[in-house]
Amino acid sequence: MILFAGGNGILRLNRVPPPPVGAHDFVSGNFLVRSREKFAGHDFMVAVIDVPSDQPRGMSPSFRVSKDHAIDIGAVADYLKGEANVPVWLVGTSAGSWSAARGAIGASRDGIAAGSIDGLVLTSTVTRIVPGSAFARLFPDIARDYPDGVISMALSEIRVPTLIVSHSEDACELTPAVDAPALAKRLTQAAKVEVALVNGGDPPKSVACEAYAAHGYYGIETQAVDRIADFITANSKRRP
């Protein structure tokens, strides 16, 4: 599993000591990052992606949808295959959903990471950019070219099994659960598509679009991880 955190993606994984599991800060506390040991508990080899060295200020949405990013993702996938000859899945949450989707698109475009990616999981996927919103003002090119977020990407090029996970109470304006069916419909060539809608959890300790709210599956991390793990296990073909 290659995990892509949200926000700007800066994790500072090279710091000493490394960020503790479940650290209560914006990035280390990201749903996927703080749940990495839960994924490992399902016998997955887990890789958490930090920003590349040429993006020290973080990964913007423009970089996340770029060919350069897809090439980086393919290189990571190839490296991991060298460590263990097992299926490789991309898992992204929130802004990380741009990255995971771009990596899966790259697996069938221009030979980028060809054959390296075996599956995709999108959680709290960016599916709306509200005109005039703070996000639209900050990233006007993305708002123009991808008005429906990840839905506006070339999803028809994705061929691998794909799971879409949303929290029914996600109050982030960028990632409403109601858009999950529209996202699924765009995955016309994917080998399999499923939508998993979860609910419940603990009272939020962060604003709506951050990690310790329904957006980040706060309080139901185990339920979300188990659902993802079940889909990956059921839809993975072990490499020869």
Foldseek 3Di string as FASTA:
>chain_A
DEEQFDDLQALPCVDPPGDDQCDPDFTCVFLCNNCVVVLVVLVDDYHYDGDDPVCVVGHDLVNLLDPVLLLVVLVVLVVVCVVPVWAAEYEYAESGLSNRLNNQLLCQPPPRSPPSHAEYEYELAFQADDPPDPSCVVCVVCCVQRRGHPLSDQLCSGAHEYEYEYECPQPDPRRHPVCVVSSQVSNVRYPHYDYHYHYDEDPAPDPRCTQRHSSNVHGCSSVVSVVVSVVCVVRTDTDD
